[in-house]
Amino acid sequence: MLCQFTVNNYKSIRDEVTLDMQAAAISEHEDRIIEDKDGELFLPVSAIYGPNGGGKSNVLAALHTLAAKVLRPLYATGDNEEHPFQMKRLIIEPFAFSETKKNKPTEFEVFFRTGKAEYRYILHVKKDIVVYESLDRVKLDTGRRSALFKRDEEGIALKGSFAKFKVSEDLSDTLLLLSYLGITYKKNEVVKDVIAWFECGVDFLNYGNPMQELRMAIANSGDVKNLVLQMIKEMDLDIVDFRVEEKDNEKIEVYTKHLVDGYEAELNLKEESSGTMKVFGMLPFIAGSLLDGTTLIVDELDAKIHPVLLRHIIMLFNDMRVNRKGAQLIFTSHDLSTMNSDVFRRDEIWFVAKGNGENSKLYSLVEFKNEKGESVRKDAKFDKQYLEGKYGADPYLRRLIDWGKVNA
């Protein structure tokens, strides 16, 4: 589970911004929040809105970059055929429109939870050079806090359950200590727990992963396929089944089975509409997230799918009878048909827009205050007020409207 993610000096993000998945103390939809074993409350959904070029995709891309930075060395030392996207050259770009920022490191901080603990991982990187890195842990059963390691200009300090680990004296300054431990001490329970979250606990859709199509093969059997077929039925598509066929060149073909007026026909997925193809591309990820309780990150979830289907997908995560394992959906969107109090809590709606210095700002609806210092009412017409530019981020303009208070 993702608790909180902060990034500073990354692409269009000049100053520190934070995406917070902790539930605010507000009264709406109190049955639609995830309660962890220690009583802490988290959001199952967050939607990020903003104009084209405002920087909303960069917020999600920053988290993807952090995960890729951690995992790429692990895949480089193993069977990388299953993870070729991780082997691409990773470029971390600082904010470009400031000489000062261009020469400073990009900073990441993520709080995340597994079944055992909550972790806080911090990474500062200047180009490819690791400037600072640390990992802390809180055990969920006891609440005990402990530092696990710290790496800075003075060296590496291993603490707590990592104190007995040995680190090579010639550790490359481009290799993350977390990655090194994931390679060297992969059987250690704590290391395994942390790496497993980056590898399996958070998933990214539409981030240049060439293996995405192969994920359909996972849906060819078991619980994932059953849930995919159930969702297709609820979406009122006339598809009754599908199959995945592996070709000699290691590519796959997906075939859909239709039943129309008693007549059964099979089509190649490529013959379906672009909307149906996108739905099929997403559903295995969505089903897998709900079944495993993972955090799913999707850029432009609303592209090429009907607003009714978009609402249906969001409500799957909001329904705790379906979302029994604490899955989370975080996505960017332009669709305003779902921007209302029936679908979202105010702390689940986020806005991104650019200030006068071409820097992206991120803030949630629940923390927004207008020029009079007034908060947005929970029964407000969110979509109407957003279109009117009352939340600071104009949906048709790239820049932040220069009035009101924005906590970013």
Protein backbone atom coordinates (compact mmCIF):
# COMPACT_ATOMS: atom_id res chain seq x y z
CA MET A 1 0.00 0.00 0.00
CA LEU A 2 1.24 3.47 -0.88
CA CYS A 3 0.98 5.86 2.08
CA GLN A 4 2.66 8.98 0.75
CA PHE A 5 4.99 10.01 -2.08
CA THR A 6 7.05 13.20 -2.28
CA VAL A 7 9.26 14.41 -5.13
CA ASN A 8 11.36 17.54 -5.58
CA ASN A 9 13.25 18.85 -8.63
CA TYR A 10 11.97 16.40 -11.24
CA LYS A 11 11.07 17.47 -14.80
CA SER A 12 8.34 20.16 -14.44
CA ILE A 13 8.29 19.78 -10.65
CA ARG A 14 10.58 22.51 -9.30
CA ASP A 15 9.55 22.52 -5.65
CA GLU A 16 8.53 19.71 -3.35
CA VAL A 17 5.09 18.18 -4.00
CA THR A 18 3.39 15.39 -2.06
CA LEU A 19 0.71 12.90 -3.07
CA ASP A 20 -0.84 11.77 0.21
CA MET A 21 -2.90 8.58 0.34
CA GLN A 22 -3.72 8.95 4.04
CA ALA A 23 -7.42 9.62 4.56
CA ALA A 24 -8.24 13.09 5.83
CA ALA A 25 -10.52 13.57 8.82
CA ILE A 26 -13.63 14.38 6.78
CA SER A 27 -17.13 13.00 6.99
CA GLU A 28 -17.99 11.91 3.46
CA HIS A 29 -17.91 8.25 2.32
CA GLU A 30 -16.40 6.93 5.52
CA ASP A 31 -17.22 3.40 4.34
CA ARG A 32 -14.89 3.81 1.35
CA ILE A 33 -11.54 3.93 3.11
CA ILE A 34 -8.95 1.26 3.84
CA GLU A 35 -8.39 0.55 7.51
CA ASP A 36 -5.10 -1.19 8.18
CA LYS A 37 -4.44 -3.56 11.09
CA ASP A 38 -3.15 -0.73 13.31
CA GLY A 39 -6.22 1.42 12.68
CA GLU A 40 -4.57 3.83 10.23
CA LEU A 41 -6.86 4.94 7.40
CA PHE A 42 -5.87 5.17 3.72
CA LEU A 43 -7.52 6.07 0.43
CA PRO A 44 -8.33 3.41 -2.18
CA VAL A 45 -8.43 5.96 -5.02
CA SER A 46 -6.77 9.24 -6.04
CA ALA A 47 -7.48 11.07 -9.30
CA ILE A 48 -5.20 13.81 -10.61
CA TYR A 49 -6.72 16.44 -12.91
CA GLY A 50 -5.13 19.26 -14.83
CA PRO A 51 -4.57 20.74 -18.30
CA ASN A 52 -2.34 19.21 -20.95
CA GLY A 53 1.25 20.20 -20.23
CA GLY A 54 0.47 21.01 -16.62
CA GLY A 55 2.65 18.20 -15.29
CA LYS A 56 0.16 15.70 -13.86
CA SER A 57 1.81 12.78 -15.67
CA ASN A 58 5.16 13.77 -14.18
CA VAL A 59 3.88 13.11 -10.67
CA LEU A 60 3.19 9.48 -11.58
CA ALA A 61 6.31 9.24 -13.75
CA ALA A 62 8.43 10.27 -10.76
CA LEU A 63 7.20 7.29 -8.73
CA HIS A 64 7.80 5.01 -11.71
CA THR A 65 11.33 6.39 -12.04
CA LEU A 66 12.04 5.65 -8.39
CA ALA A 67 10.78 2.07 -8.70
CA ALA A 68 12.79 1.53 -11.89
CA LYS A 69 15.92 2.95 -10.26
CA VAL A 70 15.57 0.42 -7.44
CA LEU A 71 14.75 -2.60 -9.59
CA ARG A 72 16.90 -2.19 -12.68
CA PRO A 73 20.16 -3.45 -11.07
CA LEU A 74 18.36 -6.52 -9.73
CA TYR A 75 17.07 -7.42 -13.16
CA ALA A 76 20.46 -6.71 -14.73
CA THR A 77 22.03 -9.45 -12.61
CA GLY A 78 19.29 -11.99 -13.31
CA ASP A 79 17.07 -13.17 -16.13
CA ASN A 80 16.28 -9.85 -17.74
CA GLU A 81 14.25 -11.30 -20.59
CA GLU A 82 11.15 -10.98 -18.47
CA HIS A 83 11.89 -7.37 -17.62
CA PRO A 84 13.43 -5.69 -20.69
CA PHE A 85 11.76 -2.34 -19.96
CA GLN A 86 13.82 -2.08 -16.80
CA MET A 87 17.01 -2.39 -18.83
CA LYS A 88 16.50 0.81 -20.77
CA ARG A 89 18.79 3.69 -19.87
CA LEU A 90 17.28 5.57 -16.97
CA ILE A 91 17.57 9.35 -17.18
CA ILE A 92 16.51 11.40 -14.17
CA GLU A 93 15.81 14.92 -15.37
CA PRO A 94 15.82 17.84 -12.90
CA PHE A 95 13.74 20.98 -13.35
CA ALA A 96 15.05 22.61 -16.50
CA PHE A 97 14.12 26.29 -16.09
CA SER A 98 16.42 27.14 -13.19
CA GLU A 99 20.19 27.14 -13.20
CA THR A 100 20.16 26.48 -9.47
CA LYS A 101 17.81 23.51 -9.71
CA LYS A 102 19.65 22.02 -12.70
CA ASN A 103 22.70 21.61 -10.48
CA LYS A 104 20.85 20.17 -7.49
CA PRO A 105 19.78 16.56 -6.91
CA THR A 106 16.33 15.16 -7.56
CA GLU A 107 14.76 14.06 -4.28
CA PHE A 108 12.33 11.20 -3.71
CA GLU A 109 10.63 10.11 -0.49
CA VAL A 110 8.10 7.29 -0.25
CA PHE A 111 6.17 5.82 2.66
CA PHE A 112 4.69 2.41 1.90
CA ARG A 113 3.24 -0.54 3.79
CA THR A 114 3.50 -4.28 3.43
CA GLY A 115 1.72 -6.87 5.56
CA LYS A 116 4.51 -6.58 8.12
CA ALA A 117 5.68 -2.98 8.36
CA GLU A 118 5.58 0.60 7.17
CA TYR A 119 8.77 1.77 5.47
CA ARG A 120 10.16 5.19 4.69
CA TYR A 121 12.67 5.25 1.83
CA ILE A 122 14.50 8.43 0.82
CA LEU A 123 16.68 8.84 -2.27
CA HIS A 124 18.52 11.92 -3.56
CA VAL A 125 20.13 11.52 -6.97
CA LYS A 126 22.14 14.02 -9.01
CA LYS A 127 22.04 12.73 -12.55
CA ASP A 128 23.13 9.12 -11.90
CA ILE A 129 25.05 9.77 -8.69
CA VAL A 130 23.51 8.80 -5.35
CA VAL A 131 23.84 11.76 -2.99
CA TYR A 132 21.75 10.50 -0.08
CA GLU A 133 19.79 7.35 0.74
CA SER A 134 18.05 6.01 3.84
CA LEU A 135 15.54 3.37 4.92
CA ASP A 136 13.49 3.27 8.12
CA ARG A 137 10.87 0.81 9.36
CA VAL A 138 7.90 0.71 11.74
CA LYS A 139 6.61 -2.76 12.66
CA LEU A 140 2.83 -2.80 12.41
CA ASP A 141 2.31 -5.36 15.19
CA THR A 142 4.43 -3.58 17.83
CA GLY A 143 4.72 -0.01 16.53
CA ARG A 144 8.47 -0.20 17.09
CA ARG A 145 10.48 2.22 14.93
CA SER A 146 13.99 1.55 13.71
CA ALA A 147 16.48 2.94 11.22
CA LEU A 148 17.86 0.32 8.81
CA PHE A 149 20.50 2.25 6.88
CA LYS A 150 21.75 5.69 5.98
CA ARG A 151 24.09 6.65 3.16
CA ASP A 152 25.51 10.15 2.68
CA GLU A 153 28.79 11.93 1.98
CA GLU A 154 30.23 10.54 5.22
CA GLY A 155 29.67 6.94 4.18
CA ILE A 156 27.27 4.07 4.85
CA ALA A 157 25.78 3.25 8.25
CA LEU A 158 23.89 -0.06 8.58
CA LYS A 159 21.61 -0.25 11.58
CA GLY A 160 19.06 -2.47 13.33
CA SER A 161 18.48 -5.79 11.57
CA PHE A 162 20.92 -4.68 8.84
CA ALA A 163 23.80 -4.04 11.26
CA LYS A 164 25.53 -7.34 10.50
CA PHE A 165 25.46 -6.86 6.72
CA LYS A 166 28.70 -6.25 4.83
CA VAL A 167 28.90 -3.76 2.00
CA SER A 168 31.63 -3.74 -0.64
CA GLU A 169 34.11 -0.91 -0.16
CA ASP A 170 34.03 -0.16 -3.87
CA LEU A 171 30.24 0.15 -4.09
CA SER A 172 29.52 2.26 -7.15
CA ASP A 173 28.14 5.72 -6.44
CA THR A 174 25.56 5.10 -9.18
CA LEU A 175 24.22 1.91 -7.53
CA LEU A 176 21.54 2.28 -4.90
CA LEU A 177 22.39 0.69 -1.57
CA LEU A 178 18.86 -0.72 -1.51
CA SER A 179 19.47 -2.40 -4.87
CA TYR A 180 22.82 -3.74 -3.67
CA LEU A 181 21.17 -5.27 -0.60
CA GLY A 182 18.43 -6.70 -2.83
CA ILE A 183 21.10 -8.49 -4.84
CA THR A 184 23.46 -9.51 -2.03
CA TYR A 185 20.99 -10.28 0.77
CA LYS A 186 17.90 -11.21 -1.22
CA LYS A 187 16.99 -14.01 1.21
CA ASN A 188 16.85 -11.69 4.21
CA GLU A 189 13.21 -11.29 5.28
CA VAL A 190 13.30 -7.49 5.63
CA VAL A 191 15.17 -6.94 2.37
CA LYS A 192 12.80 -9.32 0.63
CA ASP A 193 9.80 -7.45 2.08
CA VAL A 194 11.02 -4.06 0.83
CA ILE A 195 12.07 -5.22 -2.63
CA ALA A 196 8.80 -7.14 -3.05
CA TRP A 197 6.83 -3.92 -2.65
CA PHE A 198 8.75 -2.16 -5.42
CA GLU A 199 8.49 -5.24 -7.63
CA CYS A 200 4.94 -6.41 -6.95
CA GLY A 201 3.26 -4.01 -4.53
CA VAL A 202 3.07 -1.12 -6.99
CA ASP A 203 2.25 -1.57 -10.68
CA PHE A 204 2.37 0.86 -13.59
CA LEU A 205 0.19 0.84 -16.69
CA ASN A 206 1.16 2.72 -19.86
CA TYR A 207 4.74 3.47 -18.91
CA GLY A 208 6.50 2.00 -21.93
CA ASN A 209 6.46 -1.59 -20.69
CA PRO A 210 6.72 -3.86 -23.76
CA MET A 211 5.65 -6.82 -21.64
CA GLN A 212 2.28 -5.25 -20.92
CA GLU A 213 0.59 -7.24 -23.64
CA LEU A 214 1.96 -10.45 -22.16
CA ARG A 215 0.02 -9.75 -19.01
CA MET A 216 -3.05 -10.95 -20.91
CA ALA A 217 -1.56 -14.43 -20.66
CA ILE A 218 -1.91 -14.23 -16.89
CA ALA A 219 -5.62 -13.68 -17.36
CA ASN A 220 -5.91 -16.88 -19.37
CA SER A 221 -6.42 -18.94 -16.21
CA GLY A 222 -7.47 -18.78 -12.60
CA ASP A 223 -8.99 -16.03 -10.52
CA VAL A 224 -7.77 -13.14 -12.69
CA LYS A 225 -9.55 -14.42 -15.79
CA ASN A 226 -12.73 -15.08 -13.83
CA LEU A 227 -12.74 -11.54 -12.45
CA VAL A 228 -11.96 -10.08 -15.89
CA LEU A 229 -14.92 -11.95 -17.40
CA GLN A 230 -17.14 -10.81 -14.53
CA MET A 231 -16.15 -7.17 -15.12
CA ILE A 232 -16.72 -7.52 -18.87
CA LYS A 233 -20.21 -8.87 -18.16
CA GLU A 234 -20.98 -5.98 -15.82
CA MET A 235 -19.79 -3.54 -18.50
CA ASP A 236 -22.46 -5.00 -20.80
CA LEU A 237 -20.03 -5.98 -23.57
CA ASP A 238 -21.22 -8.90 -25.70
CA ILE A 239 -17.99 -10.83 -25.01
CA VAL A 240 -18.59 -14.14 -23.23
CA ASP A 241 -15.03 -15.49 -23.19
CA PHE A 242 -11.51 -14.96 -24.48
CA ARG A 243 -8.37 -16.95 -25.00
CA VAL A 244 -4.68 -16.19 -25.34
CA GLU A 245 -2.59 -17.97 -27.98
CA GLU A 246 1.19 -17.96 -27.85
CA LYS A 247 3.01 -17.73 -31.20
CA ASP A 248 6.38 -19.16 -32.20
CA ASN A 249 8.03 -15.74 -32.11
CA GLU A 250 7.10 -15.46 -28.40
CA LYS A 251 4.35 -12.98 -29.20
CA ILE A 252 0.77 -13.59 -28.20
CA GLU A 253 -2.61 -13.15 -29.84
CA VAL A 254 -5.81 -12.53 -27.91
CA TYR A 255 -9.14 -13.79 -29.29
CA THR A 256 -12.55 -12.71 -28.01
CA LYS A 257 -15.67 -14.85 -28.17
CA HIS A 258 -18.99 -13.13 -28.90
CA LEU A 259 -22.51 -14.48 -28.55
CA VAL A 260 -25.08 -12.53 -30.56
CA ASP A 261 -28.64 -13.82 -30.92
CA GLY A 262 -27.44 -17.34 -30.23
CA TYR A 263 -24.66 -17.16 -32.83
CA GLU A 264 -21.11 -17.61 -31.51
CA ALA A 265 -18.18 -15.91 -33.26
CA GLU A 266 -14.53 -15.35 -32.43
CA LEU A 267 -12.56 -12.20 -33.27
CA ASN A 268 -8.92 -11.27 -32.98
CA LEU A 269 -8.61 -8.51 -30.38
CA LYS A 270 -7.04 -6.36 -33.10
CA GLU A 271 -10.42 -6.37 -34.87
CA GLU A 272 -12.19 -4.91 -31.87
CA SER A 273 -12.74 -1.20 -31.29
CA SER A 274 -9.94 0.85 -29.77
CA GLY A 275 -12.04 1.21 -26.63
CA THR A 276 -12.49 -2.56 -26.27
CA MET A 277 -8.78 -3.10 -26.86
CA LYS A 278 -7.92 -0.63 -24.12
CA VAL A 279 -10.40 -2.23 -21.73
CA PHE A 280 -8.80 -5.61 -22.38
CA GLY A 281 -5.37 -4.13 -21.86
CA MET A 282 -6.39 -2.67 -18.50
CA LEU A 283 -8.64 -5.31 -16.98
CA PRO A 284 -5.95 -7.89 -16.11
CA PHE A 285 -4.06 -5.15 -14.24
CA ILE A 286 -7.23 -4.02 -12.48
CA ALA A 287 -8.27 -7.57 -11.61
CA GLY A 288 -4.78 -8.42 -10.40
CA SER A 289 -4.64 -5.30 -8.24
CA LEU A 290 -8.00 -6.06 -6.60
CA LEU A 291 -7.12 -9.70 -6.00
CA ASP A 292 -3.62 -9.05 -4.64
CA GLY A 293 -4.18 -5.71 -2.88
CA THR A 294 -1.58 -3.78 -4.87
CA THR A 295 -1.29 -0.11 -5.87
CA LEU A 296 -2.08 0.42 -9.56
CA ILE A 297 -0.79 3.60 -11.27
CA VAL A 298 -2.46 4.56 -14.56
CA ASP A 299 -1.75 7.61 -16.71
CA GLU A 300 -4.87 8.86 -18.56
CA LEU A 301 -7.19 6.13 -17.38
CA ASP A 302 -10.12 7.80 -19.14
CA ALA A 303 -8.55 7.76 -22.63
CA LYS A 304 -10.62 5.77 -25.12
CA ILE A 305 -13.05 4.32 -22.59
CA HIS A 306 -16.64 5.37 -21.97
CA PRO A 307 -17.27 7.50 -18.85
CA VAL A 308 -19.66 4.82 -17.58
CA LEU A 309 -16.84 2.26 -17.71
CA LEU A 310 -14.48 4.72 -16.02
CA ARG A 311 -16.94 5.19 -13.17
CA HIS A 312 -17.41 1.44 -12.90
CA ILE A 313 -13.64 0.86 -12.55
CA ILE A 314 -13.32 3.57 -9.90
CA MET A 315 -16.22 2.16 -7.90
CA LEU A 316 -14.64 -1.31 -7.89
CA PHE A 317 -11.82 0.11 -5.80
CA ASN A 318 -14.20 2.20 -3.70
CA ASP A 319 -16.36 -0.80 -2.82
CA MET A 320 -14.76 -2.47 0.18
CA ARG A 321 -16.87 -5.60 -0.45
CA VAL A 322 -14.98 -6.01 -3.72
CA ASN A 323 -11.72 -4.39 -2.66
CA ARG A 324 -11.11 -6.68 0.30
CA LYS A 325 -7.30 -6.56 0.27
CA GLY A 326 -6.75 -2.82 0.26
CA ALA A 327 -5.95 -2.25 -3.42
CA GLN A 328 -5.35 1.33 -4.57
CA LEU A 329 -5.96 3.06 -7.91
CA ILE A 330 -4.05 6.28 -8.68
CA PHE A 331 -4.63 7.85 -12.08
CA THR A 332 -4.62 11.01 -14.16
CA SER A 333 -7.75 12.06 -16.02
CA HIS A 334 -9.51 14.76 -18.03
CA ASP A 335 -12.97 13.25 -17.59
CA LEU A 336 -15.26 15.46 -15.52
CA SER A 337 -18.30 13.20 -15.51
CA THR A 338 -16.89 11.39 -12.48
CA MET A 339 -15.66 14.52 -10.67
CA ASN A 340 -18.48 14.65 -8.17
CA SER A 341 -19.24 13.86 -4.54
CA ASP A 342 -21.00 10.60 -5.45
CA VAL A 343 -17.76 9.10 -6.77
CA PHE A 344 -15.00 10.83 -4.79
CA ARG A 345 -14.16 12.14 -1.36
CA ARG A 346 -12.56 15.58 -1.46
CA ASP A 347 -9.19 14.15 -0.43
CA GLU A 348 -9.25 11.82 -3.46
CA ILE A 349 -9.33 14.68 -5.99
CA TRP A 350 -6.01 16.31 -6.88
CA PHE A 351 -5.06 19.14 -9.24
CA VAL A 352 -1.85 19.96 -11.08
CA ALA A 353 -1.09 23.18 -12.94
CA LYS A 354 1.94 25.31 -13.70
CA GLY A 355 2.93 28.50 -11.95
CA ASN A 356 4.55 31.51 -13.59
CA GLY A 357 7.97 29.85 -13.40
CA GLU A 358 6.81 26.84 -15.48
CA ASN A 359 6.81 24.79 -12.27
CA SER A 360 4.05 22.26 -11.59
CA LYS A 361 2.09 22.49 -8.35
CA LEU A 362 0.08 19.63 -6.84
CA TYR A 363 -2.70 20.05 -4.30
CA SER A 364 -5.85 18.25 -3.22
CA LEU A 365 -9.39 19.55 -3.21
CA VAL A 366 -9.69 19.01 0.53
CA GLU A 367 -6.78 21.37 1.29
CA PHE A 368 -7.73 24.05 -1.23
CA LYS A 369 -8.94 27.39 0.11
CA ASN A 370 -10.22 30.26 -2.00
CA GLU A 371 -9.17 33.90 -1.68
CA LYS A 372 -11.51 34.29 1.29
CA GLY A 373 -9.88 31.37 3.11
CA GLU A 374 -12.93 29.16 2.63
CA SER A 375 -12.67 25.40 2.04
CA VAL A 376 -14.66 23.59 -0.64
CA ARG A 377 -17.95 22.20 0.68
CA LYS A 378 -18.43 18.44 0.43
CA ASP A 379 -21.73 18.95 -1.44
CA ALA A 380 -20.26 21.43 -3.95
CA LYS A 381 -20.51 20.89 -7.70
CA PHE A 382 -16.87 19.92 -8.14
CA ASP A 383 -16.96 19.62 -11.94
CA LYS A 384 -18.77 22.94 -12.45
CA GLN A 385 -16.48 24.86 -10.12
CA TYR A 386 -13.41 23.29 -11.70
CA LEU A 387 -14.57 24.39 -15.16
CA GLU A 388 -15.07 27.88 -13.79
CA GLY A 389 -11.45 27.90 -12.59
CA LYS A 390 -12.44 28.18 -8.95
CA TYR A 391 -9.90 25.58 -7.81
CA GLY A 392 -6.87 27.41 -9.14
CA ALA A 393 -6.10 24.97 -11.98
CA ASP A 394 -7.92 26.01 -15.14
CA PRO A 395 -8.73 22.87 -17.22
CA TYR A 396 -8.09 24.71 -20.49
CA LEU A 397 -4.99 26.69 -19.53
CA ARG A 398 -1.57 25.39 -18.59
CA ARG A 399 -0.91 27.95 -15.90
CA LEU A 400 -2.05 28.21 -12.33
CA ILE A 401 -4.58 30.95 -11.77
CA ASP A 402 -2.89 33.51 -9.55
CA TRP A 403 -5.48 33.83 -6.78
CA GLY A 404 -6.47 31.84 -3.78
CA LYS A 405 -4.29 29.81 -1.46
CA VAL A 406 -2.78 26.61 -2.78
CA ASN A 407 -0.81 24.35 -0.45
CA ALA A 408 1.84 22.99 -2.77
